[in-house]
């Protein structure tokens, strides 16, 4: 199916690895010029055809604007994918989360999207376009193990819904994707959730990961490519009347309706 994306320009944050890299590749495969922001331009990102990699720290106040300026220099922004995010397991509970932890978590998971959207919105409004933000099931599934992350993602989801109401009448669609556990370094890396929880509980990282996967009906993690496929579809003008919606991709983890 032709998604009518050829020739458009997208900004993707957190594009160096994981979901962001998968989204970048998927957009490029659809003929999109991708201006891809990452704190470090990885070899995998640099190898994607049709991509303009930009090394920038998106957690800094001016990092998002620098990234968007590169896209504007290439003609403008048709698609914005707010993907950058991070979490740390808090096995010590609420009392172990310091003010600095809260500020860092809110910055990377909320303010990066706010700042990038603020920078990109004038171009999006002038061209009509789509914003797709990678959120999390934890936005509506609070977990004390990731309390600060859950709160930040809840704020992100609320921000995106409110923004959809403001900019929808002006031709810009805003949707979110909320994955459950995804097979990336955030969960499976050397300092990921499985390692941290395993160290605190005495279980092996593999046991922790299998236990997390078992909470889903499908008994597995979602893959980055599956998230990317949904993001790219939501960016397509073929879904021109779809806005303000959250799309959960979790293998049936969330049991509420």
C-alpha atoms as a PDB file:
ATOM      1  CA  UNK A   1       0.000   0.000   0.000  1.00  0.00           C
ATOM      2  CA  UNK A   2       1.347   3.416  -0.959  1.00  0.00           C
ATOM      3  CA  UNK A   3       1.444   5.597   2.159  1.00  0.00           C
ATOM      4  CA  UNK A   4       1.906   8.792   0.090  1.00  0.00           C
ATOM      5  CA  UNK A   5       5.040   9.766   1.987  1.00  0.00           C
ATOM      6  CA  UNK A   6       7.560   9.976  -0.847  1.00  0.00           C
ATOM      7  CA  UNK A   7       9.333  13.320  -0.948  1.00  0.00           C
ATOM      8  CA  UNK A   8       8.287  14.427   2.522  1.00  0.00           C
ATOM      9  CA  UNK A   9      10.695  15.499   5.260  1.00  0.00           C
ATOM     10  CA  UNK A  10      10.599  14.059   8.758  1.00  0.00           C
ATOM     11  CA  UNK A  11      12.343  14.880  12.021  1.00  0.00           C
ATOM     12  CA  UNK A  12      12.995  11.903  14.298  1.00  0.00           C
ATOM     13  CA  UNK A  13      14.421  12.264  17.792  1.00  0.00           C
ATOM     14  CA  UNK A  14      16.418   9.579  19.550  1.00  0.00           C
ATOM     15  CA  UNK A  15      17.258   8.068  16.180  1.00  0.00           C
ATOM     16  CA  UNK A  16      20.604   6.465  16.961  1.00  0.00           C
ATOM     17  CA  UNK A  17      19.311   3.087  18.075  1.00  0.00           C
ATOM     18  CA  UNK A  18      16.270   1.099  19.134  1.00  0.00           C
ATOM     19  CA  UNK A  19      12.835   2.364  18.169  1.00  0.00           C
ATOM     20  CA  UNK A  20      14.175   5.630  16.754  1.00  0.00           C
ATOM     21  CA  UNK A  21      16.554   3.849  14.403  1.00  0.00           C
ATOM     22  CA  UNK A  22      13.774   1.493  13.277  1.00  0.00           C
ATOM     23  CA  UNK A  23      11.460   4.465  12.614  1.00  0.00           C
ATOM     24  CA  UNK A  24      14.193   6.239  10.679  1.00  0.00           C
ATOM     25  CA  UNK A  25      14.777   3.201   8.486  1.00  0.00           C
ATOM     26  CA  UNK A  26      11.053   2.668   7.912  1.00  0.00           C
ATOM     27  CA  UNK A  27      10.492   6.286   6.899  1.00  0.00           C
ATOM     28  CA  UNK A  28      13.507   6.232   4.587  1.00  0.00           C
ATOM     29  CA  UNK A  29      12.158   3.069   2.964  1.00  0.00           C
ATOM     30  CA  UNK A  30       8.980   5.054   2.167  1.00  0.00           C
ATOM     31  CA  UNK A  31      10.992   7.723   0.356  1.00  0.00           C
ATOM     32  CA  UNK A  32      11.067  10.216   3.214  1.00  0.00           C
ATOM     33  CA  UNK A  33      14.055  12.483   3.835  1.00  0.00           C
ATOM     34  CA  UNK A  34      14.757  11.980   7.546  1.00  0.00           C
ATOM     35  CA  UNK A  35      16.564  14.525   9.670  1.00  0.00           C
ATOM     36  CA  UNK A  36      17.582  12.229  12.488  1.00  0.00           C
ATOM     37  CA  UNK A  37      18.678  13.553  15.863  1.00  0.00           C
ATOM     38  CA  UNK A  38      20.831  11.568  18.239  1.00  0.00           C
ATOM     39  CA  UNK A  39      23.311  12.468  20.945  1.00  0.00           C
ATOM     40  CA  UNK A  40      25.745  10.247  19.057  1.00  0.00           C
ATOM     41  CA  UNK A  41      25.506   9.468  15.356  1.00  0.00           C
ATOM     42  CA  UNK A  42      25.848   5.695  15.430  1.00  0.00           C
ATOM     43  CA  UNK A  43      27.284   3.716  12.551  1.00  0.00           C
ATOM     44  CA  UNK A  44      23.850   2.141  12.009  1.00  0.00           C
ATOM     45  CA  UNK A  45      22.224   5.555  11.686  1.00  0.00           C
ATOM     46  CA  UNK A  46      24.913   6.904   9.385  1.00  0.00           C
ATOM     47  CA  UNK A  47      24.424   3.895   7.097  1.00  0.00           C
ATOM     48  CA  UNK A  48      20.740   4.628   6.360  1.00  0.00           C
ATOM     49  CA  UNK A  49      20.247   6.079   2.875  1.00  0.00           C
ATOM     50  CA  UNK A  50      18.265   9.290   2.638  1.00  0.00           C
ATOM     51  CA  UNK A  51      19.035  10.365   6.198  1.00  0.00           C
ATOM     52  CA  UNK A  52      20.566  13.603   7.448  1.00  0.00           C
ATOM     53  CA  UNK A  53      22.071  12.637  10.812  1.00  0.00           C
ATOM     54  CA  UNK A  54      22.411  15.417  13.383  1.00  0.00           C
ATOM     55  CA  UNK A  55      24.481  14.987  16.529  1.00  0.00           C
ATOM     56  CA  UNK A  56      22.726  16.947  19.268  1.00  0.00           C
ATOM     57  CA  UNK A  57      21.855  16.498  22.922  1.00  0.00           C
ATOM     58  CA  UNK A  58      18.080  16.762  22.870  1.00  0.00           C
ATOM     59  CA  UNK A  59      17.943  17.051  26.663  1.00  0.00           C
ATOM     60  CA  UNK A  60      19.517  20.519  26.467  1.00  0.00           C
ATOM     61  CA  UNK A  61      17.251  23.562  26.070  1.00  0.00           C
ATOM     62  CA  UNK A  62      18.547  24.411  22.582  1.00  0.00           C
ATOM     63  CA  UNK A  63      19.233  20.895  21.240  1.00  0.00           C
ATOM     64  CA  UNK A  64      15.752  20.333  19.762  1.00  0.00           C
ATOM     65  CA  UNK A  65      15.750  23.700  17.978  1.00  0.00           C
ATOM     66  CA  UNK A  66      19.113  22.910  16.374  1.00  0.00           C
ATOM     67  CA  UNK A  67      17.723  19.649  15.050  1.00  0.00           C
ATOM     68  CA  UNK A  68      14.574  21.250  13.636  1.00  0.00           C
ATOM     69  CA  UNK A  69      16.599  24.072  12.054  1.00  0.00           C
ATOM     70  CA  UNK A  70      18.418  21.454   9.988  1.00  0.00           C
ATOM     71  CA  UNK A  71      15.097  20.150   8.665  1.00  0.00           C
ATOM     72  CA  UNK A  72      13.860  23.647   7.889  1.00  0.00           C
ATOM     73  CA  UNK A  73      17.069  24.227   5.946  1.00  0.00           C
ATOM     74  CA  UNK A  74      16.122  21.200   3.857  1.00  0.00           C
ATOM     75  CA  UNK A  75      12.732  22.694   2.990  1.00  0.00           C
ATOM     76  CA  UNK A  76      10.551  22.250   6.057  1.00  0.00           C
ATOM     77  CA  UNK A  77       8.957  19.679   8.350  1.00  0.00           C
ATOM     78  CA  UNK A  78       6.098  17.436   7.231  1.00  0.00           C
ATOM     79  CA  UNK A  79       6.407  14.804   9.955  1.00  0.00           C
ATOM     80  CA  UNK A  80       7.701  14.976  13.512  1.00  0.00           C
ATOM     81  CA  UNK A  81       8.384  11.793  15.454  1.00  0.00           C
ATOM     82  CA  UNK A  82       9.055  12.483  19.130  1.00  0.00           C
ATOM     83  CA  UNK A  83      10.790   9.306  20.170  1.00  0.00           C
ATOM     84  CA  UNK A  84      13.637  10.130  22.540  1.00  0.00           C
ATOM     85  CA  UNK A  85      13.118   8.774  26.042  1.00  0.00           C
ATOM     86  CA  UNK A  86      14.767   6.852  28.845  1.00  0.00           C
ATOM     87  CA  UNK A  87      13.962   5.153  32.108  1.00  0.00           C
ATOM     88  CA  UNK A  88      15.742   3.614  35.063  1.00  0.00           C
ATOM     89  CA  UNK A  89      14.333   0.975  37.350  1.00  0.00           C
ATOM     90  CA  UNK A  90      13.812   2.214  40.924  1.00  0.00           C
ATOM     91  CA  UNK A  91      13.980  -0.972  43.035  1.00  0.00           C
ATOM     92  CA  UNK A  92      14.476   1.230  46.106  1.00  0.00           C
ATOM     93  CA  UNK A  93      11.015   2.714  45.650  1.00  0.00           C
ATOM     94  CA  UNK A  94       9.770   6.284  45.867  1.00  0.00           C
ATOM     95  CA  UNK A  95      12.201   7.356  48.603  1.00  0.00           C
ATOM     96  CA  UNK A  96      15.163   6.494  46.376  1.00  0.00           C
ATOM     97  CA  UNK A  97      14.100   8.906  43.588  1.00  0.00           C
ATOM     98  CA  UNK A  98      15.896  12.203  44.132  1.00  0.00           C
ATOM     99  CA  UNK A  99      14.961  15.647  42.842  1.00  0.00           C
ATOM    100  CA  UNK A 100      17.727  15.311  40.262  1.00  0.00           C
ATOM    101  CA  UNK A 101      16.240  11.982  39.138  1.00  0.00           C
ATOM    102  CA  UNK A 102      12.793  13.543  38.744  1.00  0.00           C
ATOM    103  CA  UNK A 103      14.165  16.502  36.796  1.00  0.00           C
ATOM    104  CA  UNK A 104      16.255  14.304  34.498  1.00  0.00           C
ATOM    105  CA  UNK A 105      13.335  11.946  33.818  1.00  0.00           C
ATOM    106  CA  UNK A 106      10.873  14.759  33.127  1.00  0.00           C
ATOM    107  CA  UNK A 107      13.398  16.492  30.881  1.00  0.00           C
ATOM    108  CA  UNK A 108      14.169  13.558  28.616  1.00  0.00           C
ATOM    109  CA  UNK A 109      10.656  12.079  28.490  1.00  0.00           C
ATOM    110  CA  UNK A 110       8.539  15.253  28.402  1.00  0.00           C
ATOM    111  CA  UNK A 111      10.476  18.445  27.780  1.00  0.00           C
ATOM    112  CA  UNK A 112      12.387  17.096  24.786  1.00  0.00           C
ATOM    113  CA  UNK A 113       9.058  16.483  23.032  1.00  0.00           C
ATOM    114  CA  UNK A 114       7.665  19.848  24.135  1.00  0.00           C
ATOM    115  CA  UNK A 115      10.732  21.712  22.884  1.00  0.00           C
ATOM    116  CA  UNK A 116      11.017  19.821  19.603  1.00  0.00           C
ATOM    117  CA  UNK A 117       7.314  20.290  18.914  1.00  0.00           C
ATOM    118  CA  UNK A 118       7.544  24.000  19.698  1.00  0.00           C
ATOM    119  CA  UNK A 119      10.401  24.366  17.215  1.00  0.00           C
ATOM    120  CA  UNK A 120       8.761  22.289  14.476  1.00  0.00           C
ATOM    121  CA  UNK A 121       5.185  23.512  14.760  1.00  0.00           C
ATOM    122  CA  UNK A 122       5.458  26.674  12.606  1.00  0.00           C
ATOM    123  CA  UNK A 123       6.717  24.584   9.682  1.00  0.00           C
ATOM    124  CA  UNK A 124       4.144  21.848  10.277  1.00  0.00           C
ATOM    125  CA  UNK A 125       1.332  24.389  10.366  1.00  0.00           C
ATOM    126  CA  UNK A 126       2.461  25.986   7.123  1.00  0.00           C
ATOM    127  CA  UNK A 127       2.666  22.656   5.294  1.00  0.00           C
ATOM    128  CA  UNK A 128       0.076  20.520   7.079  1.00  0.00           C
ATOM    129  CA  UNK A 129       1.515  17.389   8.592  1.00  0.00           C
ATOM    130  CA  UNK A 130       1.644  14.865  11.374  1.00  0.00           C
ATOM    131  CA  UNK A 131       3.184  14.521  14.811  1.00  0.00           C
ATOM    132  CA  UNK A 132       3.614  11.013  16.172  1.00  0.00           C
ATOM    133  CA  UNK A 133       4.949  10.693  19.703  1.00  0.00           C
ATOM    134  CA  UNK A 134       6.252   7.474  21.198  1.00  0.00           C
ATOM    135  CA  UNK A 135       4.725   7.308  24.666  1.00  0.00           C
ATOM    136  CA  UNK A 136       4.359   4.176  26.845  1.00  0.00           C
ATOM    137  CA  UNK A 137       1.765   1.922  28.411  1.00  0.00           C
ATOM    138  CA  UNK A 138       3.096   3.295  31.697  1.00  0.00           C
ATOM    139  CA  UNK A 139       1.309   6.555  30.909  1.00  0.00           C
ATOM    140  CA  UNK A 140      -1.894   4.818  31.985  1.00  0.00           C
ATOM    141  CA  UNK A 141      -0.393   1.819  33.788  1.00  0.00           C
ATOM    142  CA  UNK A 142       1.483   3.342  36.765  1.00  0.00           C
ATOM    143  CA  UNK A 143       4.313   1.192  38.069  1.00  0.00           C
ATOM    144  CA  UNK A 144       6.235   1.939  41.282  1.00  0.00           C
ATOM    145  CA  UNK A 145       9.322   0.377  39.717  1.00  0.00           C
ATOM    146  CA  UNK A 146       9.357   3.238  37.198  1.00  0.00           C
ATOM    147  CA  UNK A 147       7.357   5.832  39.105  1.00  0.00           C
ATOM    148  CA  UNK A 148       9.052   8.934  37.687  1.00  0.00           C
ATOM    149  CA  UNK A 149       8.961   7.527  34.148  1.00  0.00           C
ATOM    150  CA  UNK A 150       5.259   6.669  34.464  1.00  0.00           C
ATOM    151  CA  UNK A 151       4.478  10.200  35.635  1.00  0.00           C
ATOM    152  CA  UNK A 152       6.495  11.756  32.821  1.00  0.00           C
ATOM    153  CA  UNK A 153       4.794   9.614  30.177  1.00  0.00           C
ATOM    154  CA  UNK A 154       1.369  10.422  31.623  1.00  0.00           C
ATOM    155  CA  UNK A 155       2.195  14.116  31.235  1.00  0.00           C
ATOM    156  CA  UNK A 156       3.422  13.474  27.687  1.00  0.00           C
ATOM    157  CA  UNK A 157       0.200  11.707  26.749  1.00  0.00           C
ATOM    158  CA  UNK A 158      -1.877  14.557  28.173  1.00  0.00           C
ATOM    159  CA  UNK A 159       0.229  17.141  26.339  1.00  0.00           C
ATOM    160  CA  UNK A 160      -0.230  15.369  23.005  1.00  0.00           C
ATOM    161  CA  UNK A 161      -3.989  15.039  23.447  1.00  0.00           C
ATOM    162  CA  UNK A 162      -4.344  18.729  24.313  1.00  0.00           C
ATOM    163  CA  UNK A 163      -2.133  19.733  21.387  1.00  0.00           C
ATOM    164  CA  UNK A 164      -4.229  17.649  18.997  1.00  0.00           C
ATOM    165  CA  UNK A 165      -7.260  19.745  19.904  1.00  0.00           C
ATOM    166  CA  UNK A 166      -5.416  23.009  19.308  1.00  0.00           C
ATOM    167  CA  UNK A 167      -3.728  22.240  16.003  1.00  0.00           C
ATOM    168  CA  UNK A 168      -6.208  19.806  14.453  1.00  0.00           C
ATOM    169  CA  UNK A 169      -8.351  22.594  12.964  1.00  0.00           C
ATOM    170  CA  UNK A 170      -5.195  23.944  11.321  1.00  0.00           C
ATOM    171  CA  UNK A 171      -4.279  20.753   9.467  1.00  0.00           C
ATOM    172  CA  UNK A 172      -1.808  19.098  11.835  1.00  0.00           C
ATOM    173  CA  UNK A 173      -2.601  15.656  13.237  1.00  0.00           C
ATOM    174  CA  UNK A 174      -1.202  14.527  16.604  1.00  0.00           C
ATOM    175  CA  UNK A 175      -1.221  10.876  17.667  1.00  0.00           C
ATOM    176  CA  UNK A 176       0.682   8.739  20.147  1.00  0.00           C
ATOM    177  CA  UNK A 177       1.992   5.185  20.188  1.00  0.00           C
ATOM    178  CA  UNK A 178       2.259   3.484  23.578  1.00  0.00           C
ATOM    179  CA  UNK A 179       4.348   0.314  23.496  1.00  0.00           C
ATOM    180  CA  UNK A 180       4.719  -2.186  26.273  1.00  0.00           C
ATOM    181  CA  UNK A 181       8.171  -3.743  26.747  1.00  0.00           C
ATOM    182  CA  UNK A 182      10.201  -3.528  23.532  1.00  0.00           C
ATOM    183  CA  UNK A 183      13.297  -5.564  22.707  1.00  0.00           C
ATOM    184  CA  UNK A 184      15.755  -2.661  22.915  1.00  0.00           C
ATOM    185  CA  UNK A 185      18.659  -1.745  25.180  1.00  0.00           C
ATOM    186  CA  UNK A 186      16.244   0.068  27.488  1.00  0.00           C
ATOM    187  CA  UNK A 187      15.034  -3.353  28.577  1.00  0.00           C
ATOM    188  CA  UNK A 188      17.726  -5.783  27.486  1.00  0.00           C
ATOM    189  CA  UNK A 189      20.952  -3.747  27.441  1.00  0.00           C
ATOM    190  CA  UNK A 190      23.879  -3.963  29.853  1.00  0.00           C
ATOM    191  CA  UNK A 191      22.336  -1.284  32.087  1.00  0.00           C
ATOM    192  CA  UNK A 192      18.728  -1.965  31.111  1.00  0.00           C
ATOM    193  CA  UNK A 193      15.672  -2.841  33.142  1.00  0.00           C
ATOM    194  CA  UNK A 194      16.310  -6.587  33.169  1.00  0.00           C
ATOM    195  CA  UNK A 195      19.843  -6.159  34.494  1.00  0.00           C
ATOM    196  CA  UNK A 196      18.857  -3.611  37.155  1.00  0.00           C
ATOM    197  CA  UNK A 197      15.833  -5.521  38.411  1.00  0.00           C
ATOM    198  CA  UNK A 198      17.735  -8.799  38.335  1.00  0.00           C
ATOM    199  CA  UNK A 199      20.575  -7.369  40.396  1.00  0.00           C
ATOM    200  CA  UNK A 200      18.130  -6.060  43.006  1.00  0.00           C
ATOM    201  CA  UNK A 201      16.022  -9.218  43.173  1.00  0.00           C
ATOM    202  CA  UNK A 202      18.628 -11.924  42.774  1.00  0.00           C
ATOM    203  CA  UNK A 203      17.124 -13.162  39.507  1.00  0.00           C
ATOM    204  CA  UNK A 204      19.021 -13.408  36.259  1.00  0.00           C
ATOM    205  CA  UNK A 205      18.346 -10.755  33.597  1.00  0.00           C
ATOM    206  CA  UNK A 206      16.963 -13.495  31.378  1.00  0.00           C
ATOM    207  CA  UNK A 207      14.490 -14.539  34.082  1.00  0.00           C
ATOM    208  CA  UNK A 208      13.389 -10.920  34.546  1.00  0.00           C
ATOM    209  CA  UNK A 209      12.896 -10.439  30.806  1.00  0.00           C
ATOM    210  CA  UNK A 210      10.944 -13.687  30.474  1.00  0.00           C
ATOM    211  CA  UNK A 211       8.757 -12.698  33.411  1.00  0.00           C
ATOM    212  CA  UNK A 212       8.000  -9.333  31.807  1.00  0.00           C
ATOM    213  CA  UNK A 213       7.210 -10.951  28.467  1.00  0.00           C
ATOM    214  CA  UNK A 214       4.903 -13.472  30.155  1.00  0.00           C
ATOM    215  CA  UNK A 215       2.616 -10.633  31.271  1.00  0.00           C
ATOM    216  CA  UNK A 216       1.600 -10.169  27.630  1.00  0.00           C
ATOM    217  CA  UNK A 217      -0.871 -12.464  25.915  1.00  0.00           C
ATOM    218  CA  UNK A 218       1.661 -13.061  23.164  1.00  0.00           C
ATOM    219  CA  UNK A 219       4.382 -14.017  25.683  1.00  0.00           C
ATOM    220  CA  UNK A 220       7.006 -11.846  24.016  1.00  0.00           C
ATOM    221  CA  UNK A 221       8.323  -8.322  23.710  1.00  0.00           C
ATOM    222  CA  UNK A 222       7.284  -6.061  20.875  1.00  0.00           C
ATOM    223  CA  UNK A 223      10.039  -5.469  18.306  1.00  0.00           C
ATOM    224  CA  UNK A 224      11.308  -2.014  17.293  1.00  0.00           C
ATOM    225  CA  UNK A 225      10.242  -2.710  13.702  1.00  0.00           C
ATOM    226  CA  UNK A 226       6.657  -3.334  14.839  1.00  0.00           C
ATOM    227  CA  UNK A 227       6.577   0.018  16.623  1.00  0.00           C
ATOM    228  CA  UNK A 228       8.110   1.687  13.572  1.00  0.00           C
ATOM    229  CA  UNK A 229       5.474   0.222  11.258  1.00  0.00           C
ATOM    230  CA  UNK A 230       2.722   1.741  13.383  1.00  0.00           C
ATOM    231  CA  UNK A 231       4.469   5.112  13.639  1.00  0.00           C
ATOM    232  CA  UNK A 232       4.957   5.359   9.878  1.00  0.00           C
ATOM    233  CA  UNK A 233       1.344   4.398   9.189  1.00  0.00           C
ATOM    234  CA  UNK A 234       0.121   7.090  11.588  1.00  0.00           C
ATOM    235  CA  UNK A 235       2.324   9.632   9.801  1.00  0.00           C
ATOM    236  CA  UNK A 236       0.661   8.839   6.483  1.00  0.00           C
ATOM    237  CA  UNK A 237      -1.871  11.256   4.988  1.00  0.00           C
ATOM    238  CA  UNK A 238      -3.966   8.205   4.153  1.00  0.00           C
ATOM    239  CA  UNK A 239      -5.184   8.517   7.766  1.00  0.00           C
ATOM    240  CA  UNK A 240      -6.073  12.174   7.365  1.00  0.00           C
ATOM    241  CA  UNK A 241      -8.932  12.169   9.901  1.00  0.00           C
ATOM    242  CA  UNK A 242      -7.125  10.267  12.653  1.00  0.00           C
ATOM    243  CA  UNK A 243      -5.893  12.545  15.424  1.00  0.00           C
ATOM    244  CA  UNK A 244      -5.820  12.748  19.198  1.00  0.00           C
ATOM    245  CA  UNK A 245      -5.634   8.976  19.574  1.00  0.00           C
ATOM    246  CA  UNK A 246      -3.314   6.762  21.603  1.00  0.00           C
ATOM    247  CA  UNK A 247      -2.405   3.437  20.012  1.00  0.00           C
ATOM    248  CA  UNK A 248      -1.321   0.728  22.447  1.00  0.00           C
ATOM    249  CA  UNK A 249       1.097  -1.888  21.116  1.00  0.00           C
ATOM    250  CA  UNK A 250       1.754  -4.258  23.998  1.00  0.00           C
ATOM    251  CA  UNK A 251       0.849  -7.817  23.032  1.00  0.00           C
ATOM    252  CA  UNK A 252      -2.252  -7.650  25.204  1.00  0.00           C
ATOM    253  CA  UNK A 253      -0.450  -6.567  28.378  1.00  0.00           C
ATOM    254  CA  UNK A 254      -3.059  -3.960  29.344  1.00  0.00           C
ATOM    255  CA  UNK A 255      -6.238  -5.803  30.296  1.00  0.00           C
ATOM    256  CA  UNK A 256      -8.624  -2.854  30.681  1.00  0.00           C
ATOM    257  CA  UNK A 257     -10.938  -1.684  27.885  1.00  0.00           C
END
